[in-house]
N, C-alpha and C. Protein backbone atom coordinates (compact mmCIF):
# COMPACT_ATOMS: atom_id res chain seq x y z
N MET A 1 -42.66 -4.71 -11.70
CA MET A 1 -41.84 -3.97 -12.65
C MET A 1 -41.85 -2.47 -12.33
N GLY A 2 -42.92 -2.00 -11.71
CA GLY A 2 -43.01 -0.59 -11.36
C GLY A 2 -41.96 -0.16 -10.37
N TYR A 3 -41.52 -1.09 -9.52
CA TYR A 3 -40.47 -0.75 -8.57
C TYR A 3 -39.15 -0.44 -9.27
N VAL A 4 -38.91 -1.13 -10.38
CA VAL A 4 -37.70 -0.88 -11.15
C VAL A 4 -37.75 0.52 -11.76
N TYR A 5 -38.89 0.90 -12.33
CA TYR A 5 -39.04 2.24 -12.88
C TYR A 5 -38.90 3.29 -11.79
N SER A 6 -39.50 3.02 -10.64
CA SER A 6 -39.40 3.95 -9.53
C SER A 6 -37.95 4.15 -9.11
N ALA A 7 -37.23 3.07 -8.96
CA ALA A 7 -35.82 3.17 -8.59
C ALA A 7 -35.03 3.88 -9.67
N LEU A 8 -35.34 3.61 -10.93
CA LEU A 8 -34.65 4.25 -12.04
C LEU A 8 -34.83 5.76 -11.99
N TRP A 9 -36.06 6.22 -11.79
CA TRP A 9 -36.32 7.67 -11.75
C TRP A 9 -35.61 8.33 -10.58
N VAL A 10 -35.61 7.66 -9.43
CA VAL A 10 -34.94 8.24 -8.25
C VAL A 10 -33.43 8.27 -8.45
N ILE A 11 -32.86 7.25 -9.04
CA ILE A 11 -31.42 7.23 -9.31
C ILE A 11 -31.04 8.33 -10.29
N ILE A 12 -31.82 8.49 -11.33
CA ILE A 12 -31.56 9.56 -12.30
C ILE A 12 -31.67 10.92 -11.64
N SER A 13 -32.66 11.08 -10.79
CA SER A 13 -32.86 12.35 -10.09
C SER A 13 -31.67 12.69 -9.21
N THR A 14 -31.22 11.74 -8.42
CA THR A 14 -30.09 12.01 -7.53
C THR A 14 -28.80 12.22 -8.32
N MET A 15 -28.61 11.47 -9.39
CA MET A 15 -27.43 11.64 -10.21
C MET A 15 -27.40 13.03 -10.84
N LEU A 16 -28.52 13.46 -11.38
CA LEU A 16 -28.59 14.79 -11.96
C LEU A 16 -28.30 15.86 -10.92
N PHE A 17 -28.92 15.73 -9.76
CA PHE A 17 -28.78 16.76 -8.74
C PHE A 17 -27.34 16.86 -8.22
N PHE A 18 -26.76 15.74 -7.86
CA PHE A 18 -25.45 15.78 -7.23
C PHE A 18 -24.29 15.89 -8.22
N ARG A 19 -24.50 15.44 -9.43
CA ARG A 19 -23.38 15.43 -10.38
C ARG A 19 -23.40 16.62 -11.33
N PHE A 20 -24.58 17.07 -11.74
CA PHE A 20 -24.66 18.08 -12.79
C PHE A 20 -25.30 19.39 -12.36
N ARG A 21 -25.47 19.63 -11.08
CA ARG A 21 -26.18 20.83 -10.65
C ARG A 21 -25.39 22.11 -10.94
N LYS A 22 -24.10 22.02 -11.10
CA LYS A 22 -23.31 23.21 -11.40
C LYS A 22 -23.32 23.55 -12.89
N GLU A 23 -23.80 22.63 -13.70
CA GLU A 23 -23.82 22.85 -15.15
C GLU A 23 -24.84 23.91 -15.56
N ASN A 24 -26.07 23.74 -15.08
CA ASN A 24 -27.15 24.60 -15.52
C ASN A 24 -28.29 24.51 -14.49
N LYS A 25 -29.06 25.57 -14.37
CA LYS A 25 -30.17 25.57 -13.41
C LYS A 25 -31.32 24.66 -13.83
N VAL A 26 -31.36 24.28 -15.08
CA VAL A 26 -32.42 23.41 -15.57
C VAL A 26 -32.34 22.03 -14.90
N VAL A 27 -31.17 21.68 -14.39
CA VAL A 27 -30.99 20.39 -13.74
C VAL A 27 -31.85 20.29 -12.48
N TYR A 28 -32.05 21.40 -11.78
CA TYR A 28 -32.89 21.38 -10.59
C TYR A 28 -34.33 21.00 -10.94
N ILE A 29 -34.83 21.56 -12.02
CA ILE A 29 -36.21 21.27 -12.44
C ILE A 29 -36.32 19.81 -12.87
N LEU A 30 -35.37 19.35 -13.67
CA LEU A 30 -35.41 17.97 -14.13
C LEU A 30 -35.26 16.98 -12.97
N SER A 31 -34.41 17.32 -12.03
CA SER A 31 -34.22 16.45 -10.87
C SER A 31 -35.51 16.35 -10.06
N ALA A 32 -36.17 17.47 -9.85
CA ALA A 32 -37.44 17.45 -9.11
C ALA A 32 -38.50 16.65 -9.86
N TYR A 33 -38.53 16.80 -11.17
CA TYR A 33 -39.52 16.07 -11.97
C TYR A 33 -39.26 14.56 -11.92
N PHE A 34 -38.01 14.16 -12.05
CA PHE A 34 -37.71 12.73 -12.00
C PHE A 34 -37.96 12.14 -10.62
N LEU A 35 -37.74 12.93 -9.59
CA LEU A 35 -38.09 12.47 -8.24
C LEU A 35 -39.60 12.31 -8.11
N PHE A 36 -40.36 13.25 -8.67
CA PHE A 36 -41.82 13.14 -8.69
C PHE A 36 -42.25 11.86 -9.41
N LEU A 37 -41.62 11.58 -10.55
CA LEU A 37 -41.96 10.36 -11.29
C LEU A 37 -41.64 9.10 -10.49
N GLY A 38 -40.53 9.11 -9.77
CA GLY A 38 -40.17 7.98 -8.94
C GLY A 38 -41.19 7.73 -7.85
N VAL A 39 -41.63 8.79 -7.21
CA VAL A 39 -42.66 8.65 -6.17
C VAL A 39 -43.98 8.21 -6.79
N TRP A 40 -44.31 8.75 -7.95
CA TRP A 40 -45.56 8.40 -8.63
C TRP A 40 -45.59 6.91 -8.96
N TRP A 41 -44.52 6.41 -9.57
CA TRP A 41 -44.47 4.99 -9.94
C TRP A 41 -44.46 4.10 -8.71
N PHE A 42 -43.76 4.53 -7.65
CA PHE A 42 -43.73 3.73 -6.43
C PHE A 42 -45.11 3.65 -5.80
N MET A 43 -45.81 4.77 -5.75
CA MET A 43 -47.16 4.75 -5.17
C MET A 43 -48.12 3.93 -6.02
N ASP A 44 -47.92 3.95 -7.32
CA ASP A 44 -48.77 3.14 -8.21
C ASP A 44 -48.58 1.65 -7.92
N GLU A 45 -47.38 1.23 -7.62
CA GLU A 45 -47.11 -0.18 -7.30
C GLU A 45 -47.45 -0.52 -5.86
N PHE A 46 -47.18 0.39 -4.94
CA PHE A 46 -47.31 0.10 -3.52
C PHE A 46 -48.77 0.06 -3.07
N ILE A 47 -49.58 1.00 -3.51
CA ILE A 47 -50.99 1.05 -3.12
C ILE A 47 -51.79 0.25 -4.15
N LYS A 48 -52.22 -0.92 -3.77
CA LYS A 48 -52.84 -1.86 -4.73
C LYS A 48 -54.21 -1.40 -5.22
N GLY A 49 -55.00 -0.73 -4.41
CA GLY A 49 -56.34 -0.32 -4.83
C GLY A 49 -56.36 0.94 -5.68
N LEU A 50 -55.22 1.58 -5.82
CA LEU A 50 -55.13 2.85 -6.52
C LEU A 50 -54.34 2.67 -7.81
N ASN A 51 -54.97 2.98 -8.94
CA ASN A 51 -54.29 2.88 -10.23
C ASN A 51 -53.98 4.30 -10.72
N LEU A 52 -52.75 4.71 -10.56
CA LEU A 52 -52.35 6.07 -10.94
C LEU A 52 -52.09 6.22 -12.43
N MET A 53 -52.20 5.15 -13.18
CA MET A 53 -51.98 5.22 -14.62
C MET A 53 -53.29 5.10 -15.40
N ASP A 54 -54.40 5.46 -14.75
CA ASP A 54 -55.70 5.36 -15.40
C ASP A 54 -56.60 6.47 -14.89
N GLY A 55 -57.50 6.91 -15.74
CA GLY A 55 -58.53 7.87 -15.34
C GLY A 55 -57.98 9.27 -15.11
N THR A 56 -58.47 9.88 -14.04
CA THR A 56 -58.10 11.25 -13.71
C THR A 56 -56.63 11.36 -13.34
N TYR A 57 -56.11 10.34 -12.70
CA TYR A 57 -54.72 10.39 -12.25
C TYR A 57 -53.73 10.51 -13.41
N VAL A 58 -54.00 9.83 -14.49
CA VAL A 58 -53.09 9.93 -15.63
C VAL A 58 -53.11 11.33 -16.23
N TRP A 59 -54.25 12.02 -16.14
CA TRP A 59 -54.31 13.39 -16.63
C TRP A 59 -53.54 14.34 -15.72
N ILE A 60 -53.56 14.05 -14.43
CA ILE A 60 -52.73 14.83 -13.51
C ILE A 60 -51.26 14.66 -13.87
N LEU A 61 -50.86 13.42 -14.13
CA LEU A 61 -49.47 13.16 -14.53
C LEU A 61 -49.13 13.88 -15.83
N ARG A 62 -50.03 13.88 -16.77
CA ARG A 62 -49.78 14.56 -18.05
C ARG A 62 -49.66 16.07 -17.88
N VAL A 63 -50.52 16.64 -17.05
CA VAL A 63 -50.47 18.09 -16.83
C VAL A 63 -49.16 18.46 -16.11
N VAL A 64 -48.80 17.71 -15.09
CA VAL A 64 -47.54 17.98 -14.40
C VAL A 64 -46.37 17.84 -15.37
N SER A 65 -46.40 16.83 -16.23
CA SER A 65 -45.33 16.64 -17.21
C SER A 65 -45.26 17.81 -18.18
N ALA A 66 -46.41 18.28 -18.64
CA ALA A 66 -46.43 19.41 -19.57
C ALA A 66 -45.91 20.68 -18.91
N VAL A 67 -46.30 20.91 -17.66
CA VAL A 67 -45.83 22.10 -16.94
C VAL A 67 -44.32 22.02 -16.72
N MET A 68 -43.84 20.86 -16.35
CA MET A 68 -42.40 20.71 -16.13
C MET A 68 -41.63 20.88 -17.43
N LEU A 69 -42.17 20.39 -18.53
CA LEU A 69 -41.52 20.59 -19.83
C LEU A 69 -41.46 22.06 -20.17
N GLY A 70 -42.56 22.77 -19.96
CA GLY A 70 -42.57 24.20 -20.22
C GLY A 70 -41.57 24.96 -19.37
N LEU A 71 -41.53 24.65 -18.08
CA LEU A 71 -40.56 25.29 -17.18
C LEU A 71 -39.13 24.98 -17.60
N THR A 72 -38.89 23.74 -17.99
CA THR A 72 -37.56 23.35 -18.41
C THR A 72 -37.11 24.13 -19.63
N VAL A 73 -37.98 24.27 -20.60
CA VAL A 73 -37.63 25.01 -21.82
C VAL A 73 -37.37 26.48 -21.50
N ILE A 74 -38.22 27.08 -20.66
CA ILE A 74 -38.05 28.49 -20.31
C ILE A 74 -36.73 28.71 -19.58
N VAL A 75 -36.45 27.89 -18.58
CA VAL A 75 -35.22 28.05 -17.81
C VAL A 75 -34.00 27.77 -18.68
N TYR A 76 -34.08 26.77 -19.55
CA TYR A 76 -32.95 26.45 -20.41
C TYR A 76 -32.60 27.63 -21.31
N PHE A 77 -33.60 28.20 -21.97
CA PHE A 77 -33.31 29.30 -22.89
C PHE A 77 -32.89 30.56 -22.15
N ALA A 78 -33.41 30.79 -20.94
CA ALA A 78 -32.97 31.93 -20.15
C ALA A 78 -31.51 31.78 -19.75
N GLU A 79 -31.13 30.59 -19.32
CA GLU A 79 -29.73 30.34 -18.96
C GLU A 79 -28.82 30.44 -20.18
N ARG A 80 -29.29 29.93 -21.29
CA ARG A 80 -28.49 29.99 -22.52
C ARG A 80 -28.27 31.43 -22.96
N LYS A 81 -29.32 32.24 -22.86
CA LYS A 81 -29.21 33.64 -23.22
C LYS A 81 -28.23 34.35 -22.30
N LYS A 82 -28.28 34.03 -21.00
CA LYS A 82 -27.36 34.65 -20.04
C LYS A 82 -25.92 34.23 -20.33
N GLN A 83 -25.70 32.95 -20.66
CA GLN A 83 -24.36 32.48 -20.98
C GLN A 83 -23.81 33.14 -22.23
N LEU A 84 -24.67 33.30 -23.24
CA LEU A 84 -24.22 33.95 -24.47
C LEU A 84 -23.88 35.41 -24.24
N SER A 85 -24.65 36.10 -23.39
CA SER A 85 -24.33 37.50 -23.12
C SER A 85 -23.04 37.63 -22.32
N VAL A 86 -22.78 36.69 -21.42
CA VAL A 86 -21.52 36.71 -20.67
C VAL A 86 -20.35 36.47 -21.61
N LYS A 87 -20.50 35.51 -22.53
CA LYS A 87 -19.43 35.26 -23.51
C LYS A 87 -19.21 36.48 -24.40
N SER A 88 -20.30 37.11 -24.81
CA SER A 88 -20.21 38.29 -25.66
C SER A 88 -19.49 39.42 -24.94
N ASN A 89 -19.83 39.63 -23.67
CA ASN A 89 -19.17 40.68 -22.89
C ASN A 89 -17.68 40.37 -22.68
N ALA A 90 -17.38 39.10 -22.44
CA ALA A 90 -15.98 38.72 -22.23
C ALA A 90 -15.17 38.90 -23.50
N SER A 91 -15.74 38.54 -24.65
CA SER A 91 -15.01 38.69 -25.91
C SER A 91 -14.84 40.16 -26.28
N SER A 92 -15.84 40.99 -25.98
CA SER A 92 -15.70 42.41 -26.29
C SER A 92 -14.69 43.07 -25.37
N GLU A 93 -14.56 42.59 -24.12
CA GLU A 93 -13.56 43.14 -23.21
C GLU A 93 -12.15 42.77 -23.68
N THR A 94 -11.96 41.55 -24.17
CA THR A 94 -10.64 41.15 -24.66
C THR A 94 -10.27 41.91 -25.93
N GLU A 95 -11.26 42.20 -26.74
CA GLU A 95 -10.97 42.98 -27.96
C GLU A 95 -10.58 44.40 -27.61
N GLU A 96 -11.21 44.97 -26.58
CA GLU A 96 -10.88 46.33 -26.16
C GLU A 96 -9.48 46.39 -25.55
N ASN A 97 -9.08 45.34 -24.85
CA ASN A 97 -7.77 45.31 -24.21
C ASN A 97 -6.64 45.08 -25.21
N SER A 98 -6.94 44.55 -26.38
CA SER A 98 -5.89 44.24 -27.37
C SER A 98 -5.40 45.42 -28.10
């Protein structure tokens, strides 16, 4: 079943990267994270003696997930702030021209 999750994460990662990369820069971070998850799940299934969902390894996964969530939130709000300032500047320019 882990192979299905691995394939799912990789498919989501490639879809985000190739289809939505022009939307927002946060897509790059999410795409990298989902690719990481795909590799993580694949290695958990492929290497039989290694259980990546137990012990220290699961804490590594949690820390990486928390860091990626933090980066995603920071980049999202920075992009949103930049988009709002661009809209504000564009609307003030149209008001000045009227």
